[in-house]
């Protein structure tokens, strides 16, 4: 057979171009990235995907300014600053867009966005998760030292990214990992994503960076104080977790995806589970600890995290937004290998009361689980919703209605465990009887009431107690007189809950309830959409 020298020359040229693209922004810029404690974009790809499975597209893209190609000798822009493709994560396909800060700060140009648009198209058409690894200065406006006028005027044609994210929402899992800065456009990507992990000290997000903030409002502020990991995990609630380095953040993506199906028409996979005899020996050890989680006094706090640890599969608890509104726990876990979403009041913080932020946190999480067929398990110990003029001005009714709406709307299996206090509207939104739990069980310590007996006495006996020297004694007597009426056996006697259980049976009842409701079908009135409280 004749030798095709031209083909060999072309293949050699292709190989040279590929090698050049792998160098990203060049040795110095890559080294600077590493000195900041960050992986470069290609290292992140290698770490995230199973070895040998990543398929890249758009490697030969490069920067165009004012509608014209930019001379690569003047401005080095391999892959135009974003690596796109797909591969397998623990054997399951996912698409990715990894912004490369070594190339023009990972900024978004026309060509790079064309590539990411293609990645979104691949994800939604083929029903696979999509992951953004964000390390980007935001929209690109420079042209190798000048202003890219074409890019500026093309702004009128931008914005498809966010609209497409909205249409993808609830169809495939969307993850936006902040492994560096994300400004302006790259800050809205996490705002619309399902899971937003951040890296402490190196990641941030803000609609405008410090220079723009200074120019627009005169505020002097650094990137970390403006939109660092602490800000968005503790205060804004935009982010879901903080990790100490890129590797931990990427590991979290792998773990998160393990609880999810590939798309909304599937159920999440149940992992093979074998009970560890050293952890739980025929009802011993961990189960026995459930008898001592609650303090004897109902006025004393305890950490709900400990209770959950003794109920779910070992090392399976994966918290979402643990630093934001810690009075409510939202987490993924497994029961006998089956993924569940957990919503639990935590009396260790604000007595477990529901406020504006915790209501938003719960509503978002319930909606996420319902979108991807993940069963919900509620653990109630709730004194109700917070009251007062401050929270009324903050819109507690509106925010509480979000939680109420999502719990009522959710059609996935729902199981409720009543642990201690189940008071007022808190009982409703934590999936009380009216909100269609497929199984509702109670510990012997549970109390269901419009409010606690102390609160009731303070209201209806206020006039009687005012100025009475024996007020405290009388109040205590009244409280004890009310307690028999909120006793859980009185509620069970009316058939208003399914069973009062030994705390050590909690795991078994949840597992049985999940199996019972696996093929649950719910009929709702036909409608285009509901009108959600916002």
Protein backbone atom coordinates (compact mmCIF):
# COMPACT_ATOMS: atom_id res chain seq x y z
CA UNK A 1 0.00 0.00 0.00
CA UNK A 2 1.31 3.48 -0.87
CA UNK A 3 2.42 5.68 2.01
CA UNK A 4 0.32 8.85 2.47
CA UNK A 5 2.96 11.36 3.54
CA UNK A 6 0.52 14.26 3.51
CA UNK A 7 -1.74 12.52 6.04
CA UNK A 8 1.25 11.87 8.27
CA UNK A 9 2.23 15.53 8.08
CA UNK A 10 -1.29 16.61 8.96
CA UNK A 11 -1.49 14.18 11.88
CA UNK A 12 1.87 15.40 13.16
CA UNK A 13 0.60 18.98 12.94
CA UNK A 14 -2.54 17.97 14.82
CA UNK A 15 -0.45 16.35 17.53
CA UNK A 16 1.65 19.49 17.88
CA UNK A 17 -1.48 21.64 18.22
CA UNK A 18 -2.86 19.31 20.88
CA UNK A 19 0.37 19.43 22.86
CA UNK A 20 0.35 23.21 22.66
CA UNK A 21 -3.26 23.39 23.92
CA UNK A 22 -2.34 21.21 26.89
CA UNK A 23 0.17 23.86 27.96
CA UNK A 24 -2.78 26.22 28.61
CA UNK A 25 -1.68 29.80 29.31
CA UNK A 26 1.98 28.85 29.49
CA UNK A 27 4.36 27.61 32.14
CA UNK A 28 4.55 30.87 34.12
CA UNK A 29 0.79 31.32 34.37
CA UNK A 30 0.26 27.67 35.26
CA UNK A 31 2.96 27.91 37.94
CA UNK A 32 1.27 31.01 39.35
CA UNK A 33 -1.98 29.06 39.59
CA UNK A 34 -0.24 26.32 41.55
CA UNK A 35 1.46 28.84 43.85
CA UNK A 36 -2.00 30.09 44.85
CA UNK A 37 -2.80 26.60 46.09
CA UNK A 38 -5.02 25.79 43.11
CA UNK A 39 -5.01 22.98 40.59
CA UNK A 40 -4.96 24.07 36.99
CA UNK A 41 -8.00 23.37 34.81
CA UNK A 42 -6.59 20.22 33.23
CA UNK A 43 -5.50 18.78 36.57
CA UNK A 44 -9.06 19.26 37.78
CA UNK A 45 -10.40 17.38 34.76
CA UNK A 46 -7.95 14.51 35.35
CA UNK A 47 -8.87 14.31 39.04
CA UNK A 48 -12.64 14.46 38.51
CA UNK A 49 -13.13 11.91 35.74
CA UNK A 50 -12.37 8.21 35.68
CA UNK A 51 -8.99 7.58 34.08
CA UNK A 52 -9.06 7.41 30.30
CA UNK A 53 -12.75 8.36 29.92
CA UNK A 54 -12.61 12.11 29.23
CA UNK A 55 -13.53 13.16 25.66
CA UNK A 56 -12.68 16.77 24.92
CA UNK A 57 -14.20 18.93 22.24
CA UNK A 58 -13.31 22.48 21.19
CA UNK A 59 -9.60 22.12 22.01
CA UNK A 60 -8.66 24.13 18.92
CA UNK A 61 -10.85 27.12 19.74
CA UNK A 62 -9.09 30.45 20.21
CA UNK A 63 -9.86 34.09 20.93
CA UNK A 64 -11.56 36.32 18.35
CA UNK A 65 -11.54 40.08 19.00
CA UNK A 66 -13.71 42.61 17.21
CA UNK A 67 -14.91 39.73 15.07
CA UNK A 68 -11.42 38.77 13.91
CA UNK A 69 -9.01 36.00 14.96
CA UNK A 70 -6.34 37.20 17.38
CA UNK A 71 -2.73 36.47 16.49
CA UNK A 72 -1.68 33.62 18.84
CA UNK A 73 1.85 35.08 18.86
CA UNK A 74 0.45 38.20 20.55
CA UNK A 75 -2.26 36.70 22.78
CA UNK A 76 -2.04 33.05 23.77
CA UNK A 77 -5.59 31.63 24.11
CA UNK A 78 -5.62 27.81 23.78
CA UNK A 79 -9.16 26.35 23.95
CA UNK A 80 -10.24 29.99 24.37
CA UNK A 81 -9.98 29.66 28.14
CA UNK A 82 -12.47 26.86 28.79
CA UNK A 83 -12.08 23.08 28.58
CA UNK A 84 -15.26 21.31 27.52
CA UNK A 85 -16.14 17.66 27.12
CA UNK A 86 -17.61 14.63 28.79
CA UNK A 87 -16.39 11.58 30.65
CA UNK A 88 -17.31 9.14 33.39
CA UNK A 89 -17.44 9.81 37.11
CA UNK A 90 -17.57 6.52 38.99
CA UNK A 91 -18.76 4.90 35.79
CA UNK A 92 -21.50 7.45 34.99
CA UNK A 93 -21.29 10.00 32.16
CA UNK A 94 -21.24 13.73 32.91
CA UNK A 95 -20.47 16.84 30.86
CA UNK A 96 -18.08 19.55 32.06
CA UNK A 97 -17.00 23.12 31.37
CA UNK A 98 -13.76 23.96 33.20
CA UNK A 99 -12.73 27.61 32.98
CA UNK A 100 -8.97 28.06 32.67
CA UNK A 101 -7.75 31.07 34.65
CA UNK A 102 -4.34 30.90 32.96
CA UNK A 103 -5.96 32.03 29.68
CA UNK A 104 -7.24 35.60 29.91
CA UNK A 105 -8.37 34.96 33.47
CA UNK A 106 -10.83 32.30 32.31
CA UNK A 107 -13.03 35.07 30.97
CA UNK A 108 -16.05 34.31 28.78
CA UNK A 109 -15.61 35.17 25.09
CA UNK A 110 -17.82 34.49 22.10
CA UNK A 111 -16.01 31.30 21.13
CA UNK A 112 -15.66 29.92 24.65
CA UNK A 113 -19.36 30.48 25.29
CA UNK A 114 -20.14 28.73 22.01
CA UNK A 115 -18.30 25.72 23.40
CA UNK A 116 -20.11 25.80 26.74
CA UNK A 117 -23.44 26.17 24.93
CA UNK A 118 -22.58 22.96 23.12
CA UNK A 119 -21.81 21.27 26.45
CA UNK A 120 -25.21 22.31 27.80
CA UNK A 121 -26.81 20.98 24.64
CA UNK A 122 -25.02 17.63 25.06
CA UNK A 123 -26.13 17.40 28.69
CA UNK A 124 -29.81 18.15 28.25
CA UNK A 125 -30.21 16.20 24.99
CA UNK A 126 -28.49 13.12 26.33
CA UNK A 127 -29.87 13.50 29.86
CA UNK A 128 -26.61 13.54 31.80
CA UNK A 129 -25.39 15.83 34.62
CA UNK A 130 -23.44 18.97 33.80
CA UNK A 131 -20.61 20.40 35.90
CA UNK A 132 -19.07 23.85 35.75
CA UNK A 133 -15.61 24.25 37.30
CA UNK A 134 -15.58 28.01 37.70
CA UNK A 135 -12.29 29.91 37.87
CA UNK A 136 -13.16 32.97 35.83
CA UNK A 137 -12.95 36.74 35.78
CA UNK A 138 -16.37 36.89 34.12
CA UNK A 139 -17.27 38.41 30.75
CA UNK A 140 -14.40 39.25 28.42
CA UNK A 141 -14.17 42.87 27.30
CA UNK A 142 -10.45 43.24 26.50
CA UNK A 143 -8.70 42.69 23.18
CA UNK A 144 -5.05 42.13 23.99
CA UNK A 145 -4.63 45.51 25.61
CA UNK A 146 -7.56 47.37 24.11
CA UNK A 147 -11.35 47.20 24.26
CA UNK A 148 -13.16 44.56 22.22
CA UNK A 149 -15.90 46.70 20.70
CA UNK A 150 -17.44 43.77 18.86
CA UNK A 151 -17.77 41.87 22.15
CA UNK A 152 -19.44 44.85 23.78
CA UNK A 153 -21.99 45.36 21.00
CA UNK A 154 -22.70 41.62 20.92
CA UNK A 155 -23.96 41.87 24.52
CA UNK A 156 -27.45 42.36 23.06
CA UNK A 157 -27.28 38.75 21.89
CA UNK A 158 -26.09 37.30 25.21
CA UNK A 159 -27.97 35.73 28.13
CA UNK A 160 -28.84 32.38 26.53
CA UNK A 161 -26.70 30.69 29.18
CA UNK A 162 -29.02 31.52 32.05
CA UNK A 163 -32.23 30.90 30.15
CA UNK A 164 -30.94 27.48 29.16
CA UNK A 165 -29.95 26.75 32.76
CA UNK A 166 -33.52 27.46 33.83
CA UNK A 167 -34.91 25.07 31.23
CA UNK A 168 -32.39 22.41 32.29
CA UNK A 169 -33.39 22.85 35.94
CA UNK A 170 -34.88 19.67 37.34
CA UNK A 171 -34.07 17.79 34.13
CA UNK A 172 -30.42 16.94 34.82
CA UNK A 173 -28.28 17.64 37.89
CA UNK A 174 -26.37 20.92 37.60
CA UNK A 175 -23.22 21.52 39.64
CA UNK A 176 -21.25 24.77 39.77
CA UNK A 177 -18.02 24.26 41.72
CA UNK A 178 -16.34 27.52 42.66
CA UNK A 179 -12.65 26.63 42.42
CA UNK A 180 -11.61 30.24 41.88
CA UNK A 181 -13.33 33.58 41.31
CA UNK A 182 -16.67 33.91 39.57
CA UNK A 183 -17.69 37.44 38.71
CA UNK A 184 -20.76 38.85 36.96
CA UNK A 185 -21.92 36.21 34.44
CA UNK A 186 -20.01 33.38 36.09
CA UNK A 187 -21.65 34.31 39.39
CA UNK A 188 -25.15 33.65 38.08
CA UNK A 189 -24.20 30.13 36.98
CA UNK A 190 -23.98 28.97 40.63
CA UNK A 191 -27.07 31.02 41.44
CA UNK A 192 -29.04 28.71 39.15
CA UNK A 193 -27.16 25.47 39.86
CA UNK A 194 -28.28 22.67 42.20
CA UNK A 195 -25.03 22.19 44.13
CA UNK A 196 -22.42 24.90 44.76
CA UNK A 197 -19.26 23.82 46.62
CA UNK A 198 -16.53 26.42 47.27
CA UNK A 199 -12.84 26.30 48.21
CA UNK A 200 -11.73 28.22 51.27
CA UNK A 201 -9.36 31.10 50.53
CA UNK A 202 -9.24 30.78 46.74
CA UNK A 203 -12.86 30.91 45.53
CA UNK A 204 -15.31 33.78 45.45
CA UNK A 205 -18.38 34.99 43.62
CA UNK A 206 -19.94 38.41 43.24
CA UNK A 207 -22.00 40.28 40.66
CA UNK A 208 -19.25 42.88 40.53
CA UNK A 209 -15.64 42.53 41.63
CA UNK A 210 -13.89 44.94 44.01
CA UNK A 211 -12.84 47.44 41.26
CA UNK A 212 -16.39 47.69 39.92
CA UNK A 213 -17.83 47.96 43.46
CA UNK A 214 -15.39 50.81 44.17
CA UNK A 215 -16.29 52.59 40.94
CA UNK A 216 -20.06 52.09 41.28
CA UNK A 217 -20.75 52.59 45.00
CA UNK A 218 -17.46 53.85 46.42
CA UNK A 219 -16.95 50.86 48.71
CA UNK A 220 -13.40 49.64 49.37
CA UNK A 221 -13.51 45.90 49.86
CA UNK A 222 -11.36 42.88 49.03
CA UNK A 223 -12.51 39.84 47.06
CA UNK A 224 -12.73 37.54 50.10
CA UNK A 225 -14.82 39.95 52.19
CA UNK A 226 -17.06 40.72 49.24
CA UNK A 227 -17.92 37.20 48.16
CA UNK A 228 -15.59 34.60 49.64
CA UNK A 229 -16.51 31.11 50.76
CA UNK A 230 -17.39 32.20 54.31
CA UNK A 231 -19.75 34.91 53.01
CA UNK A 232 -21.74 32.61 50.74
CA UNK A 233 -21.80 29.59 53.05
CA UNK A 234 -22.69 31.36 56.29
CA UNK A 235 -24.60 34.45 55.26
CA UNK A 236 -26.02 34.51 51.73
CA UNK A 237 -26.80 30.79 51.49
CA UNK A 238 -25.84 30.71 47.80
CA UNK A 239 -23.16 28.05 48.40
CA UNK A 240 -23.65 24.58 49.87
CA UNK A 241 -20.27 23.61 51.32
CA UNK A 242 -16.72 24.84 51.99
CA UNK A 243 -13.68 22.66 51.31
CA UNK A 244 -10.03 23.25 52.08
CA UNK A 245 -8.64 22.53 48.64
CA UNK A 246 -9.59 21.67 45.07
CA UNK A 247 -9.25 17.92 45.60
CA UNK A 248 -11.74 17.90 48.47
CA UNK A 249 -14.13 20.00 46.40
CA UNK A 250 -13.91 17.62 43.44
CA UNK A 251 -14.38 14.61 45.74
CA UNK A 252 -17.57 16.26 47.02
CA UNK A 253 -18.90 16.45 43.46
CA UNK A 254 -18.40 12.71 43.09
CA UNK A 255 -20.15 12.04 46.39
CA UNK A 256 -23.04 14.40 45.61
CA UNK A 257 -23.71 12.75 42.25
CA UNK A 258 -23.82 9.31 43.90
CA UNK A 259 -27.15 10.25 45.53
CA UNK A 260 -28.70 11.32 42.23
CA UNK A 261 -30.06 9.69 39.10
CA UNK A 262 -28.67 10.77 35.73
CA UNK A 263 -31.88 12.67 34.98
CA UNK A 264 -35.38 13.33 36.25
CA UNK A 265 -36.99 10.30 34.63
CA UNK A 266 -34.84 7.87 36.61
CA UNK A 267 -34.77 6.92 40.26
CA UNK A 268 -31.49 7.16 42.18
CA UNK A 269 -29.56 3.93 42.41
CA UNK A 270 -29.68 1.85 45.59
CA UNK A 271 -26.23 0.71 46.63
CA UNK A 272 -25.58 -2.76 47.94
CA UNK A 273 -25.61 -2.53 51.72
CA UNK A 274 -24.35 -5.03 54.27
CA UNK A 275 -24.94 -4.20 57.94
CA UNK A 276 -21.67 -3.82 59.85
CA UNK A 277 -21.89 -6.05 62.94
CA UNK A 278 -19.37 -3.88 64.80
CA UNK A 279 -21.63 -0.88 64.29
CA UNK A 280 -24.96 -2.46 65.07
CA UNK A 281 -25.12 -5.94 66.55
CA UNK A 282 -28.74 -7.14 66.34
CA UNK A 283 -30.21 -4.01 67.87
CA UNK A 284 -27.19 -3.07 69.96
CA UNK A 285 -24.59 -0.31 70.05
CA UNK A 286 -25.70 2.47 67.68
CA UNK A 287 -29.36 1.64 68.18
CA UNK A 288 -28.94 1.64 71.95
CA UNK A 289 -27.42 5.12 71.76
CA UNK A 290 -30.73 6.44 70.43
CA UNK A 291 -32.20 5.94 73.90
CA UNK A 292 -29.79 8.53 75.31
CA UNK A 293 -29.71 11.20 72.58
CA UNK A 294 -32.51 13.27 74.10
CA UNK A 295 -31.97 14.98 77.45
CA UNK A 296 -34.56 14.18 80.13
CA UNK A 297 -35.68 17.79 80.27
CA UNK A 298 -37.64 18.95 77.21
CA UNK A 299 -36.16 22.42 77.76
CA UNK A 300 -32.62 21.24 77.14
CA UNK A 301 -31.04 21.26 73.69
CA UNK A 302 -29.27 18.39 71.94
CA UNK A 303 -27.53 17.93 68.60
CA UNK A 304 -29.82 16.37 66.00
CA UNK A 305 -26.72 15.40 64.00
CA UNK A 306 -25.96 12.71 66.57
CA UNK A 307 -29.44 11.26 66.25
CA UNK A 308 -29.16 11.15 62.46
CA UNK A 309 -25.74 9.51 62.65
CA UNK A 310 -27.25 6.61 64.60
CA UNK A 311 -30.09 6.14 62.09
CA UNK A 312 -28.56 6.38 58.60
CA UNK A 313 -26.02 4.10 56.93
CA UNK A 314 -22.52 4.59 58.28
CA UNK A 315 -20.63 7.60 56.84
CA UNK A 316 -23.48 8.36 54.42
CA UNK A 317 -24.61 11.74 55.80
CA UNK A 318 -23.80 14.50 53.27
CA UNK A 319 -24.95 17.90 54.48
CA UNK A 320 -26.15 20.77 52.31
CA UNK A 321 -25.65 24.33 53.63
CA UNK A 322 -24.54 23.23 57.14
CA UNK A 323 -23.28 26.73 58.05
CA UNK A 324 -26.36 28.54 56.75
CA UNK A 325 -29.42 28.45 59.03
CA UNK A 326 -27.97 25.63 61.20
CA UNK A 327 -31.26 25.44 63.14
CA UNK A 328 -32.41 23.21 60.27
CA UNK A 329 -30.41 20.30 58.87
CA UNK A 330 -30.73 19.38 55.19
CA UNK A 331 -28.66 16.42 54.08
CA UNK A 332 -28.46 13.45 51.78
CA UNK A 333 -27.96 10.03 53.33
CA UNK A 334 -28.71 6.36 52.77
CA UNK A 335 -30.94 3.91 54.57
CA UNK A 336 -30.05 0.30 53.69
CA UNK A 337 -28.24 1.68 50.63
CA UNK A 338 -31.23 3.71 49.40
CA UNK A 339 -30.62 7.49 48.91
CA UNK A 340 -32.85 9.84 50.92
CA UNK A 341 -33.04 13.54 51.58
CA UNK A 342 -33.25 14.45 55.26
CA UNK A 343 -34.91 17.56 56.71
CA UNK A 344 -34.44 17.82 60.47
CA UNK A 345 -34.81 20.53 63.10
CA UNK A 346 -31.72 21.03 65.23
CA UNK A 347 -32.52 22.23 68.78
CA UNK A 348 -28.82 23.00 69.30
CA UNK A 349 -29.35 26.22 67.29
CA UNK A 350 -32.18 28.63 68.17
CA UNK A 351 -34.00 25.72 69.79
CA UNK A 352 -34.74 24.35 66.30
CA UNK A 353 -37.22 27.14 65.57
CA UNK A 354 -37.96 27.96 61.93
CA UNK A 355 -36.97 31.41 60.67
CA UNK A 356 -36.63 33.14 57.29
CA UNK A 357 -33.36 31.48 56.27
CA UNK A 358 -34.22 27.98 57.47
CA UNK A 359 -37.56 28.11 55.62
CA UNK A 360 -35.76 29.07 52.41
CA UNK A 361 -33.16 26.38 52.99
CA UNK A 362 -35.83 23.70 53.46
CA UNK A 363 -37.91 24.82 50.49
CA UNK A 364 -34.91 24.69 48.17
CA UNK A 365 -33.83 21.26 49.40
CA UNK A 366 -37.30 19.70 49.25
CA UNK A 367 -37.73 21.02 45.71
CA UNK A 368 -34.34 19.54 44.73
CA UNK A 369 -35.18 16.09 46.11
CA UNK A 370 -38.64 16.09 44.57
CA UNK A 371 -37.21 17.05 41.17
CA UNK A 372 -34.91 14.03 41.10
CA UNK A 373 -37.09 11.38 42.76
CA UNK A 374 -35.18 11.29 46.04
CA UNK A 375 -37.42 10.25 48.99
CA UNK A 376 -37.69 12.67 51.90
CA UNK A 377 -37.37 11.83 55.60
CA UNK A 378 -38.38 14.47 58.15
CA UNK A 379 -37.26 14.49 61.80
CA UNK A 380 -39.41 16.86 63.82
CA UNK A 381 -38.42 18.71 66.96
CA UNK A 382 -39.81 22.12 66.16
CA UNK A 383 -41.25 24.77 68.50
CA UNK A 384 -42.87 26.46 65.49
CA UNK A 385 -42.04 29.55 63.43
CA UNK A 386 -40.27 32.51 64.98
CA UNK A 387 -42.50 35.53 65.69
CA UNK A 388 -42.02 39.25 66.30
CA UNK A 389 -41.85 42.56 64.46
CA UNK A 390 -38.31 41.97 63.16
CA UNK A 391 -39.16 38.76 61.33
CA UNK A 392 -42.48 40.13 60.11
CA UNK A 393 -40.55 42.92 58.38
CA UNK A 394 -38.22 40.26 56.94
CA UNK A 395 -41.23 38.48 55.46
CA UNK A 396 -41.51 35.41 57.66
CA UNK A 397 -44.99 34.69 56.27
CA UNK A 398 -43.74 34.80 52.69
CA UNK A 399 -40.65 32.72 53.43
CA UNK A 400 -42.54 30.22 55.57
CA UNK A 401 -45.04 29.85 52.73
CA UNK A 402 -42.20 28.76 50.43
CA UNK A 403 -41.47 25.81 52.69
CA UNK A 404 -45.14 24.98 53.12
CA UNK A 405 -45.63 25.10 49.34
CA UNK A 406 -42.73 22.80 48.47
CA UNK A 407 -43.53 20.20 51.13
CA UNK A 408 -47.16 20.11 50.03
CA UNK A 409 -46.19 19.89 46.35
CA UNK A 410 -43.59 17.14 46.75
CA UNK A 411 -44.82 13.82 45.37
CA UNK A 412 -41.82 11.64 46.26
CA UNK A 413 -42.09 9.21 49.18
CA UNK A 414 -42.25 11.18 52.44
CA UNK A 415 -41.65 9.71 55.87
CA UNK A 416 -42.00 11.68 59.10
CA UNK A 417 -40.48 10.86 62.47
CA UNK A 418 -41.87 12.91 65.38
CA UNK A 419 -39.06 13.14 67.93
CA UNK A 420 -40.05 15.74 70.51
CA UNK A 421 -41.77 19.11 69.97
CA UNK A 422 -44.18 19.26 67.03
CA UNK A 423 -45.79 22.65 67.54
CA UNK A 424 -47.86 25.04 65.45
CA UNK A 425 -47.24 25.58 61.76
CA UNK A 426 -43.84 23.99 62.27
CA UNK A 427 -45.66 20.66 62.55
CA UNK A 428 -47.33 21.33 59.21
CA UNK A 429 -44.26 22.29 57.16
CA UNK A 430 -42.15 19.48 58.63
CA UNK A 431 -44.58 17.11 56.89
CA UNK A 432 -47.27 16.63 59.49
CA UNK A 433 -50.29 14.41 58.84
CA UNK A 434 -52.00 16.84 56.45
CA UNK A 435 -48.97 16.92 54.13
CA UNK A 436 -49.34 13.32 52.96
CA UNK A 437 -46.50 11.49 54.69
CA UNK A 438 -46.45 7.91 53.48
CA UNK A 439 -45.55 6.91 57.02
CA UNK A 440 -45.72 9.05 60.17
CA UNK A 441 -44.34 7.59 63.39
CA UNK A 442 -43.52 9.08 66.78
CA UNK A 443 -41.12 8.51 69.60
CA UNK A 444 -42.76 8.29 73.05
CA UNK A 445 -41.33 11.76 73.75
CA UNK A 446 -43.26 13.44 70.93
CA UNK A 447 -45.83 16.18 71.58
CA UNK A 448 -48.20 17.54 68.92
CA UNK A 449 -49.91 20.80 69.74
CA UNK A 450 -50.76 24.25 68.44
CA UNK A 451 -47.99 25.42 70.79
CA UNK A 452 -46.20 24.32 73.96
CA UNK A 453 -48.19 24.21 77.21
CA UNK A 454 -46.13 27.08 78.66
CA UNK A 455 -47.10 29.28 75.72
CA UNK A 456 -50.76 28.39 76.02
CA UNK A 457 -50.84 29.25 79.72
CA UNK A 458 -49.02 32.54 79.10
CA UNK A 459 -51.75 33.56 76.65
CA UNK A 460 -55.04 32.39 78.16
CA UNK A 461 -54.09 32.93 81.84
CA UNK A 462 -52.21 36.20 81.41
CA UNK A 463 -54.76 38.32 83.26
CA UNK A 464 -55.08 35.78 86.07
CA UNK A 465 -51.34 35.59 86.59
CA UNK A 466 -50.54 39.32 86.44
CA UNK A 467 -49.63 40.59 89.88
CA UNK A 468 -50.35 37.25 91.53
CA UNK A 469 -47.59 36.46 94.07
CA UNK A 470 -48.05 32.74 93.37
CA UNK A 471 -47.99 33.19 89.58
CA UNK A 472 -45.12 30.78 88.95
CA UNK A 473 -46.68 28.02 91.05
CA UNK A 474 -50.09 28.46 89.43
CA UNK A 475 -48.53 28.52 85.96
CA UNK A 476 -46.62 25.30 86.64
CA UNK A 477 -49.83 23.61 87.80
CA UNK A 478 -51.69 24.74 84.68
CA UNK A 479 -48.88 23.51 82.43
CA UNK A 480 -48.97 20.08 84.05
CA UNK A 481 -52.74 20.04 83.63
CA UNK A 482 -52.38 20.60 79.87
CA UNK A 483 -49.66 18.03 79.25
CA UNK A 484 -51.95 14.96 79.23
CA UNK A 485 -53.86 16.46 76.28
CA UNK A 486 -50.74 16.65 74.08
CA UNK A 487 -49.51 13.21 75.09
CA UNK A 488 -48.60 11.27 71.97
CA UNK A 489 -50.69 8.27 72.99
CA UNK A 490 -53.79 10.46 72.95
CA UNK A 491 -52.96 11.38 69.33
CA UNK A 492 -52.20 7.74 68.47
CA UNK A 493 -55.45 6.68 70.13
CA UNK A 494 -57.35 8.76 67.57
CA UNK A 495 -55.46 7.16 64.69
CA UNK A 496 -53.81 10.46 63.76
CA UNK A 497 -50.33 8.94 63.50
CA UNK A 498 -49.36 5.50 62.27
CA UNK A 499 -47.43 4.24 65.28
CA UNK A 500 -45.54 5.12 68.44
CA UNK A 501 -42.16 3.44 68.13
CA UNK A 502 -39.18 2.55 70.24
CA UNK A 503 -36.39 4.95 69.14
CA UNK A 504 -34.25 1.89 68.39
CA UNK A 505 -36.80 0.91 65.72
CA UNK A 506 -36.47 4.20 63.82
CA UNK A 507 -34.15 2.91 61.12
CA UNK A 508 -36.26 -0.21 60.54
CA UNK A 509 -39.49 1.76 60.20
CA UNK A 510 -37.92 4.20 57.75
CA UNK A 511 -36.51 1.36 55.66
CA UNK A 512 -39.87 -0.39 55.62
CA UNK A 513 -41.66 2.85 54.71
CA UNK A 514 -39.28 3.48 51.83
CA UNK A 515 -39.88 0.00 50.48
CA UNK A 516 -43.64 0.41 50.85
CA UNK A 517 -43.72 3.72 48.97
CA UNK A 518 -41.19 2.84 46.24
CA UNK A 519 -43.89 2.80 43.53
CA UNK A 520 -45.94 5.65 44.99
CA UNK A 521 -48.30 7.41 42.59
CA UNK A 522 -49.89 10.78 43.36
CA UNK A 523 -52.74 12.47 41.48
CA UNK A 524 -52.88 16.26 41.44
CA UNK A 525 -55.30 18.70 39.79
CA UNK A 526 -54.30 19.42 36.19
CA UNK A 527 -52.57 22.80 35.84
CA UNK A 528 -49.85 24.56 33.86
CA UNK A 529 -47.91 25.52 36.99
CA UNK A 530 -48.47 26.65 40.55
CA UNK A 531 -47.93 30.22 41.74
CA UNK A 532 -44.93 29.86 44.05
CA UNK A 533 -44.38 32.21 46.98
CA UNK A 534 -41.09 34.09 46.46
